[in-house]
C-alpha atoms as a PDB file:
ATOM      1  CA  MET A   1      11.270  12.331   3.373  1.00  0.00           C
ATOM      2  CA  ARG A   2      13.616   9.588   4.532  1.00  0.00           C
ATOM      3  CA  ARG A   3      12.807  10.495   8.152  1.00  0.00           C
ATOM      4  CA  ALA A   4       9.109  10.318   7.368  1.00  0.00           C
ATOM      5  CA  GLY A   5       9.630   6.995   5.617  1.00  0.00           C
ATOM      6  CA  GLN A   6      11.503   5.508   8.554  1.00  0.00           C
ATOM      7  CA  ILE A   7       8.679   6.426  10.932  1.00  0.00           C
ATOM      8  CA  VAL A   8       6.165   4.881   8.543  1.00  0.00           C
ATOM      9  CA  ARG A   9       8.187   1.651   8.547  1.00  0.00           C
ATOM     10  CA  GLU A  10       8.538   1.622  12.333  1.00  0.00           C
ATOM     11  CA  VAL A  11       4.808   2.005  12.863  1.00  0.00           C
ATOM     12  CA  LEU A  12       3.931  -0.589  10.215  1.00  0.00           C
ATOM     13  CA  GLU A  13       6.226  -3.107  11.897  1.00  0.00           C
ATOM     14  CA  LEU A  14       4.606  -2.314  15.246  1.00  0.00           C
ATOM     15  CA  VAL A  15       1.183  -2.903  13.721  1.00  0.00           C
ATOM     16  CA  ARG A  16       2.403  -6.139  12.093  1.00  0.00           C
ATOM     17  CA  SER A  17       3.382  -7.418  15.541  1.00  0.00           C
ATOM     18  CA  ARG A  18      -0.170  -6.780  16.809  1.00  0.00           C
ATOM     19  CA  VAL A  19      -1.894  -8.724  14.005  1.00  0.00           C
ATOM     20  CA  LYS A  20      -3.222 -11.940  15.529  1.00  0.00           C
ATOM     21  CA  PRO A  21      -6.478 -13.871  15.809  1.00  0.00           C
ATOM     22  CA  GLY A  22      -8.863 -12.081  18.173  1.00  0.00           C
ATOM     23  CA  ALA A  23      -7.390  -8.613  17.621  1.00  0.00           C
ATOM     24  CA  THR A  24      -9.635  -5.970  16.113  1.00  0.00           C
ATOM     25  CA  THR A  25      -8.640  -3.516  13.443  1.00  0.00           C
ATOM     26  CA  LEU A  26      -9.314  -0.793  16.020  1.00  0.00           C
ATOM     27  CA  ASP A  27      -6.648  -2.402  18.238  1.00  0.00           C
ATOM     28  CA  LEU A  28      -4.183  -1.870  15.382  1.00  0.00           C
ATOM     29  CA  GLU A  29      -5.343   1.729  15.016  1.00  0.00           C
ATOM     30  CA  LYS A  30      -4.869   2.441  18.728  1.00  0.00           C
ATOM     31  CA  ALA A  31      -1.356   0.972  18.711  1.00  0.00           C
ATOM     32  CA  ALA A  32      -0.358   3.132  15.737  1.00  0.00           C
ATOM     33  CA  GLU A  33      -1.916   6.269  17.169  1.00  0.00           C
ATOM     34  CA  ALA A  34      -0.225   5.783  20.539  1.00  0.00           C
ATOM     35  CA  ARG A  35       3.186   5.447  18.877  1.00  0.00           C
ATOM     36  CA  LEU A  36       2.598   8.585  16.802  1.00  0.00           C
ATOM     37  CA  THR A  37       1.753  10.471  19.983  1.00  0.00           C
ATOM     38  CA  GLU A  38       5.003   9.268  21.578  1.00  0.00           C
ATOM     39  CA  LEU A  39       6.956  10.414  18.519  1.00  0.00           C
ATOM     40  CA  GLY A  40       5.120  13.730  18.258  1.00  0.00           C
ATOM     41  CA  VAL A  41       4.424  13.101  14.582  1.00  0.00           C
ATOM     42  CA  LYS A  42       1.267  13.842  12.594  1.00  0.00           C
ATOM     43  CA  ALA A  43      -0.597  11.114  10.749  1.00  0.00           C
ATOM     44  CA  ALA A  44      -1.096  11.779   7.053  1.00  0.00           C
ATOM     45  CA  PHE A  45      -4.470  10.083   6.616  1.00  0.00           C
ATOM     46  CA  LYS A  46      -6.542  11.202   9.601  1.00  0.00           C
ATOM     47  CA  GLY A  47      -8.730  14.085   8.463  1.00  0.00           C
ATOM     48  CA  TYR A  48      -7.602  13.756   4.837  1.00  0.00           C
ATOM     49  CA  HIS A  49     -10.797  14.382   2.867  1.00  0.00           C
ATOM     50  CA  GLY A  50     -12.560  13.463   6.091  1.00  0.00           C
ATOM     51  CA  PHE A  51     -10.987  10.032   6.640  1.00  0.00           C
ATOM     52  CA  PRO A  52     -11.466   9.249  10.359  1.00  0.00           C
ATOM     53  CA  CYS A  53      -8.367   7.198  11.263  1.00  0.00           C
ATOM     54  CA  VAL A  54      -4.560   7.082  11.065  1.00  0.00           C
ATOM     55  CA  LEU A  55      -4.560   3.627   9.430  1.00  0.00           C
ATOM     56  CA  CYS A  56      -6.416   2.109   6.523  1.00  0.00           C
ATOM     57  CA  THR A  57      -7.111  -1.524   7.461  1.00  0.00           C
ATOM     58  CA  SER A  58      -8.588  -3.655   4.684  1.00  0.00           C
ATOM     59  CA  VAL A  59      -9.447  -7.294   5.420  1.00  0.00           C
ATOM     60  CA  ASN A  60      -9.648 -10.176   2.924  1.00  0.00           C
ATOM     61  CA  SER A  61     -11.644  -8.974  -0.114  1.00  0.00           C
ATOM     62  CA  GLU A  62     -11.326  -5.335   0.954  1.00  0.00           C
ATOM     63  CA  VAL A  63      -8.851  -3.727  -1.421  1.00  0.00           C
ATOM     64  CA  VAL A  64      -8.052  -0.369   0.193  1.00  0.00           C
ATOM     65  CA  HIS A  65      -9.330   2.412   2.486  1.00  0.00           C
ATOM     66  CA  GLY A  66     -10.905   0.147   5.104  1.00  0.00           C
ATOM     67  CA  ILE A  67     -11.817   1.980   8.317  1.00  0.00           C
ATOM     68  CA  PRO A  68     -10.570   0.448  11.609  1.00  0.00           C
ATOM     69  CA  SER A  69     -13.414  -0.814  13.790  1.00  0.00           C
ATOM     70  CA  ALA A  70     -13.912  -2.469  17.156  1.00  0.00           C
ATOM     71  CA  ASN A  71     -16.406  -4.725  15.389  1.00  0.00           C
ATOM     72  CA  ARG A  72     -13.882  -6.095  12.885  1.00  0.00           C
ATOM     73  CA  VAL A  73     -12.277  -9.044  14.661  1.00  0.00           C
ATOM     74  CA  LEU A  74      -9.398 -10.739  12.864  1.00  0.00           C
ATOM     75  CA  LYS A  75      -9.611 -14.509  12.471  1.00  0.00           C
ATOM     76  CA  GLU A  76      -7.096 -17.251  11.731  1.00  0.00           C
ATOM     77  CA  GLY A  77      -6.530 -17.354   7.964  1.00  0.00           C
ATOM     78  CA  ASP A  78      -7.567 -13.755   7.308  1.00  0.00           C
ATOM     79  CA  ILE A  79      -5.282 -11.238   5.665  1.00  0.00           C
ATOM     80  CA  VAL A  80      -5.220  -7.554   6.559  1.00  0.00           C
ATOM     81  CA  SER A  81      -3.746  -4.796   4.403  1.00  0.00           C
ATOM     82  CA  VAL A  82      -2.428  -1.860   6.422  1.00  0.00           C
ATOM     83  CA  ASP A  83      -1.812   1.445   4.623  1.00  0.00           C
ATOM     84  CA  PHE A  84      -0.205   4.254   6.623  1.00  0.00           C
ATOM     85  CA  GLY A  85       1.437   7.637   6.163  1.00  0.00           C
ATOM     86  CA  VAL A  86       2.962  10.478   8.168  1.00  0.00           C
ATOM     87  CA  VAL A  87       4.088  14.040   7.590  1.00  0.00           C
ATOM     88  CA  VAL A  88       7.419  15.181   9.087  1.00  0.00           C
ATOM     89  CA  ASP A  89       8.541  18.810   8.754  1.00  0.00           C
ATOM     90  CA  GLY A  90       6.123  19.228   5.862  1.00  0.00           C
ATOM     91  CA  TYR A  91       7.186  16.132   3.921  1.00  0.00           C
ATOM     92  CA  TYR A  92       5.208  12.922   3.515  1.00  0.00           C
ATOM     93  CA  GLY A  93       5.934   9.210   3.675  1.00  0.00           C
ATOM     94  CA  ASP A  94       3.488   6.462   2.688  1.00  0.00           C
ATOM     95  CA  ALA A  95       3.661   2.649   2.641  1.00  0.00           C
ATOM     96  CA  ALA A  96       1.487  -0.438   2.922  1.00  0.00           C
ATOM     97  CA  ILE A  97       1.852  -4.092   3.878  1.00  0.00           C
ATOM     98  CA  THR A  98      -0.496  -7.068   3.806  1.00  0.00           C
ATOM     99  CA  VAL A  99      -0.182  -9.386   6.789  1.00  0.00           C
ATOM    100  CA  PRO A 100      -1.521 -12.919   7.301  1.00  0.00           C
ATOM    101  CA  VAL A 101      -3.472 -13.509  10.497  1.00  0.00           C
ATOM    102  CA  GLY A 102      -2.233 -16.553  12.410  1.00  0.00           C
ATOM    103  CA  GLN A 103      -0.338 -19.526  11.009  1.00  0.00           C
ATOM    104  CA  LYS A 104      -2.948 -21.280   8.833  1.00  0.00           C
ATOM    105  CA  ILE A 105      -3.178 -19.103   5.752  1.00  0.00           C
ATOM    106  CA  ASP A 106      -4.533 -20.730   2.599  1.00  0.00           C
ATOM    107  CA  PRO A 107      -1.675 -21.561   0.148  1.00  0.00           C
ATOM    108  CA  ASP A 108      -3.319 -19.621  -2.689  1.00  0.00           C
ATOM    109  CA  THR A 109      -3.674 -16.593  -0.422  1.00  0.00           C
ATOM    110  CA  ALA A 110      -0.040 -16.897   0.663  1.00  0.00           C
ATOM    111  CA  ARG A 111       0.917 -16.936  -3.032  1.00  0.00           C
ATOM    112  CA  LEU A 112      -1.192 -13.799  -3.620  1.00  0.00           C
ATOM    113  CA  LEU A 113       0.774 -11.968  -0.920  1.00  0.00           C
ATOM    114  CA  ALA A 114       4.120 -13.155  -2.276  1.00  0.00           C
ATOM    115  CA  VAL A 115       3.265 -12.213  -5.859  1.00  0.00           C
ATOM    116  CA  THR A 116       1.937  -8.784  -4.905  1.00  0.00           C
ATOM    117  CA  GLU A 117       5.103  -7.968  -2.961  1.00  0.00           C
ATOM    118  CA  ALA A 118       7.220  -9.320  -5.818  1.00  0.00           C
ATOM    119  CA  SER A 119       5.347  -7.081  -8.262  1.00  0.00           C
ATOM    120  CA  LEU A 120       6.153  -4.047  -6.104  1.00  0.00           C
ATOM    121  CA  ASN A 121       9.829  -5.031  -6.125  1.00  0.00           C
ATOM    122  CA  ALA A 122       9.721  -5.435  -9.906  1.00  0.00           C
ATOM    123  CA  GLY A 123       8.272  -1.957 -10.288  1.00  0.00           C
ATOM    124  CA  ILE A 124      10.982  -0.507  -8.082  1.00  0.00           C
ATOM    125  CA  ALA A 125      13.676  -2.353 -10.052  1.00  0.00           C
ATOM    126  CA  ALA A 126      12.440  -0.640 -13.233  1.00  0.00           C
ATOM    127  CA  ILE A 127      13.129   2.828 -11.814  1.00  0.00           C
ATOM    128  CA  ARG A 128      16.036   4.849 -13.163  1.00  0.00           C
ATOM    129  CA  PRO A 129      16.414   8.297 -14.733  1.00  0.00           C
ATOM    130  CA  GLY A 130      15.012   8.123 -18.253  1.00  0.00           C
ATOM    131  CA  ALA A 131      12.756   5.148 -17.573  1.00  0.00           C
ATOM    132  CA  THR A 132       9.054   5.779 -18.047  1.00  0.00           C
ATOM    133  CA  LEU A 133       6.022   5.299 -15.865  1.00  0.00           C
ATOM    134  CA  GLY A 134       4.954   2.708 -18.427  1.00  0.00           C
ATOM    135  CA  ASP A 135       8.125   0.746 -17.664  1.00  0.00           C
ATOM    136  CA  VAL A 136       7.184   0.682 -13.978  1.00  0.00           C
ATOM    137  CA  GLY A 137       3.561  -0.273 -14.605  1.00  0.00           C
ATOM    138  CA  ALA A 138       4.459  -2.942 -17.129  1.00  0.00           C
ATOM    139  CA  ALA A 139       6.924  -4.508 -14.678  1.00  0.00           C
ATOM    140  CA  VAL A 140       4.262  -4.710 -11.972  1.00  0.00           C
ATOM    141  CA  GLN A 141       1.584  -5.978 -14.330  1.00  0.00           C
ATOM    142  CA  GLY A 142       3.834  -8.618 -15.831  1.00  0.00           C
ATOM    143  CA  VAL A 143       4.581 -10.250 -12.487  1.00  0.00           C
ATOM    144  CA  VAL A 144       0.935 -10.205 -11.394  1.00  0.00           C
ATOM    145  CA  GLU A 145      -0.659 -11.515 -14.569  1.00  0.00           C
ATOM    146  CA  ALA A 146       1.973 -14.219 -15.085  1.00  0.00           C
ATOM    147  CA  GLU A 147       0.647 -15.768 -11.877  1.00  0.00           C
ATOM    148  CA  GLY A 148      -3.002 -15.536 -12.902  1.00  0.00           C
ATOM    149  CA  PHE A 149      -3.920 -12.630 -10.625  1.00  0.00           C
ATOM    150  CA  SER A 150      -5.421  -9.241 -11.553  1.00  0.00           C
ATOM    151  CA  VAL A 151      -4.094  -5.701 -11.108  1.00  0.00           C
ATOM    152  CA  VAL A 152      -6.716  -3.314  -9.737  1.00  0.00           C
ATOM    153  CA  ARG A 153      -7.145  -0.458 -12.235  1.00  0.00           C
ATOM    154  CA  ASP A 154      -9.320   1.920 -10.196  1.00  0.00           C
ATOM    155  CA  PHE A 155      -6.534   2.904  -7.793  1.00  0.00           C
ATOM    156  CA  VAL A 156      -2.953   3.809  -8.671  1.00  0.00           C
ATOM    157  CA  GLY A 157       0.256   5.020  -7.092  1.00  0.00           C
ATOM    158  CA  HIS A 158       1.218   8.678  -7.037  1.00  0.00           C
ATOM    159  CA  GLY A 159       3.827  11.332  -6.710  1.00  0.00           C
ATOM    160  CA  ILE A 160       4.511  12.345  -3.111  1.00  0.00           C
ATOM    161  CA  GLY A 161       6.402  15.183  -1.437  1.00  0.00           C
ATOM    162  CA  VAL A 162       4.938  18.211   0.326  1.00  0.00           C
ATOM    163  CA  HIS A 163       1.478  16.745  -0.334  1.00  0.00           C
ATOM    164  CA  MET A 164       0.251  13.187   0.144  1.00  0.00           C
ATOM    165  CA  HIS A 165      -0.878  12.874  -3.469  1.00  0.00           C
ATOM    166  CA  GLU A 166       0.989  14.757  -6.186  1.00  0.00           C
ATOM    167  CA  ASP A 167       1.418  14.335  -9.915  1.00  0.00           C
ATOM    168  CA  PRO A 168       2.171  12.056 -11.603  1.00  0.00           C
ATOM    169  CA  GLN A 169      -0.235   9.183 -11.194  1.00  0.00           C
ATOM    170  CA  VAL A 170       1.692   5.880 -11.140  1.00  0.00           C
ATOM    171  CA  PRO A 171      -0.433   3.057 -12.598  1.00  0.00           C
ATOM    172  CA  ASN A 172       0.342  -0.568 -11.746  1.00  0.00           C
ATOM    173  CA  PHE A 173      -0.194  -1.490 -15.388  1.00  0.00           C
ATOM    174  CA  GLY A 174       0.975  -0.089 -18.691  1.00  0.00           C
ATOM    175  CA  GLU A 175       3.154  -0.391 -21.737  1.00  0.00           C
ATOM    176  CA  ALA A 176       6.929  -0.230 -21.486  1.00  0.00           C
ATOM    177  CA  GLY A 177       8.401   2.909 -23.017  1.00  0.00           C
ATOM    178  CA  ARG A 178       5.196   4.917 -22.699  1.00  0.00           C
ATOM    179  CA  GLY A 179       4.323   7.762 -20.346  1.00  0.00           C
ATOM    180  CA  MET A 180       6.265  10.371 -18.400  1.00  0.00           C
ATOM    181  CA  LYS A 181      10.015   9.908 -18.102  1.00  0.00           C
ATOM    182  CA  LEU A 182      11.432   9.673 -14.604  1.00  0.00           C
ATOM    183  CA  ARG A 183      14.005  12.233 -13.508  1.00  0.00           C
ATOM    184  CA  LYS A 184      16.565  12.227 -10.726  1.00  0.00           C
ATOM    185  CA  GLY A 185      15.024  13.738  -7.595  1.00  0.00           C
ATOM    186  CA  MET A 186      11.444  12.651  -8.248  1.00  0.00           C
ATOM    187  CA  VAL A 187       9.725  10.722  -5.456  1.00  0.00           C
ATOM    188  CA  ILE A 188       6.822   8.381  -6.153  1.00  0.00           C
ATOM    189  CA  ALA A 189       4.690   5.954  -4.175  1.00  0.00           C
ATOM    190  CA  ILE A 190       4.308   2.618  -5.964  1.00  0.00           C
ATOM    191  CA  GLU A 191       1.426   0.564  -4.593  1.00  0.00           C
ATOM    192  CA  PRO A 192       0.145  -2.487  -6.429  1.00  0.00           C
ATOM    193  CA  MET A 193      -3.291  -3.671  -5.311  1.00  0.00           C
ATOM    194  CA  VAL A 194      -3.845  -7.181  -6.601  1.00  0.00           C
ATOM    195  CA  ASN A 195      -6.994  -9.314  -6.607  1.00  0.00           C
ATOM    196  CA  ALA A 196      -6.997 -13.094  -6.691  1.00  0.00           C
ATOM    197  CA  GLY A 197      -9.995 -12.916  -9.046  1.00  0.00           C
ATOM    198  CA  LYS A 198     -11.125 -10.171 -11.367  1.00  0.00           C
ATOM    199  CA  PRO A 199      -9.792  -6.592 -11.082  1.00  0.00           C
ATOM    200  CA  ASP A 200     -13.163  -4.891 -10.579  1.00  0.00           C
ATOM    201  CA  VAL A 201     -13.890  -3.084  -7.317  1.00  0.00           C
ATOM    202  CA  ARG A 202     -16.805  -1.284  -5.721  1.00  0.00           C
ATOM    203  CA  VAL A 203     -16.980   1.179  -2.828  1.00  0.00           C
ATOM    204  CA  MET A 204     -19.091   0.176   0.150  1.00  0.00           C
ATOM    205  CA  SER A 205     -21.774   2.261   1.830  1.00  0.00           C
ATOM    206  CA  ASP A 206     -19.276   3.889   4.241  1.00  0.00           C
ATOM    207  CA  GLY A 207     -18.006   5.847   1.227  1.00  0.00           C
ATOM    208  CA  TRP A 208     -14.426   4.651   1.752  1.00  0.00           C
ATOM    209  CA  THR A 209     -13.894   0.898   1.789  1.00  0.00           C
ATOM    210  CA  ALA A 210     -13.224  -0.516  -1.683  1.00  0.00           C
ATOM    211  CA  VAL A 211     -13.816  -4.243  -2.104  1.00  0.00           C
ATOM    212  CA  ALA A 212     -13.235  -6.784  -4.858  1.00  0.00           C
ATOM    213  CA  THR A 213     -16.556  -7.022  -6.666  1.00  0.00           C
ATOM    214  CA  ASP A 214     -16.282 -10.804  -6.999  1.00  0.00           C
ATOM    215  CA  GLY A 215     -15.387 -11.264  -3.322  1.00  0.00           C
ATOM    216  CA  SER A 216     -11.890 -12.571  -4.034  1.00  0.00           C
ATOM    217  CA  MET A 217      -8.943 -11.938  -1.725  1.00  0.00           C
ATOM    218  CA  SER A 218      -6.944  -8.753  -2.308  1.00  0.00           C
ATOM    219  CA  ALA A 219      -3.413  -7.749  -1.294  1.00  0.00           C
ATOM    220  CA  HIS A 220      -1.664  -4.358  -1.200  1.00  0.00           C
ATOM    221  CA  PHE A 221       2.008  -3.457  -0.814  1.00  0.00           C
ATOM    222  CA  GLU A 222       3.525   0.024  -1.150  1.00  0.00           C
ATOM    223  CA  HIS A 223       6.834   1.871  -0.827  1.00  0.00           C
ATOM    224  CA  THR A 224       7.794   5.517  -1.174  1.00  0.00           C
ATOM    225  CA  VAL A 225      10.710   5.554  -3.621  1.00  0.00           C
ATOM    226  CA  ALA A 226      13.154   8.275  -4.720  1.00  0.00           C
ATOM    227  CA  VAL A 227      14.610   8.314  -8.228  1.00  0.00           C
ATOM    228  CA  THR A 228      18.404   8.628  -7.942  1.00  0.00           C
ATOM    229  CA  ALA A 229      21.261   8.726 -10.426  1.00  0.00           C
ATOM    230  CA  THR A 230      21.870   5.001  -9.882  1.00  0.00           C
ATOM    231  CA  GLY A 231      18.229   3.821  -9.830  1.00  0.00           C
ATOM    232  CA  ALA A 232      15.867   3.801  -6.871  1.00  0.00           C
ATOM    233  CA  THR A 233      16.202   4.501  -3.167  1.00  0.00           C
ATOM    234  CA  ILE A 234      13.378   3.087  -1.054  1.00  0.00           C
ATOM    235  CA  LEU A 235      12.584   5.647   1.644  1.00  0.00           C
ATOM    236  CA  THR A 236      10.183   3.381   3.561  1.00  0.00           C
ATOM    237  CA  GLU A 237      12.449   0.322   3.992  1.00  0.00           C
END
């Protein structure tokens, strides 16, 4: 799973380097797919429940599961969330980043990105054997709501291993001390999706792309994390 995670990180950093005004989300898809071909590694998302691409690319108010398109041209000040996974020798890795487009990002949007990433780090910091999923969710939620943003409730993190999505579900909200206890050897994907406005989302007519109902900006960060005796090991760093 560490090998899978390292490939996920490599490809995400490649995609990050291609995010610029004038690029299309299909350009990002092609760059990722070409690198996977070079590595001889299988994408986790393409074909999963019929999803057509190796990346999910979600722009601005799109929360998650956006489909790359030649018609989606990135503009200065946009943000694009890139979610990506691979399978290596039967084991999965999964991570996401949200990247500003160009140099002129709105300060409130920049703060949304920083807070969302900080909430992911807070969730990871709560991981240790004997901690609960509620501890993780409460840590994420606390960071987000203290800054006036909203945690999306319709999508959650998940267990991951020999399948992309395994039990348990890993909510980005909750009550400390509640829920399943974490055990050494478990691996989970923590992935806060955070809206600048209200938490509500709707799925667009393509059947995949989820957007913030109120049209507010949305950010998404994710790591695949192993529970170890000493806390957490991030497999997708």
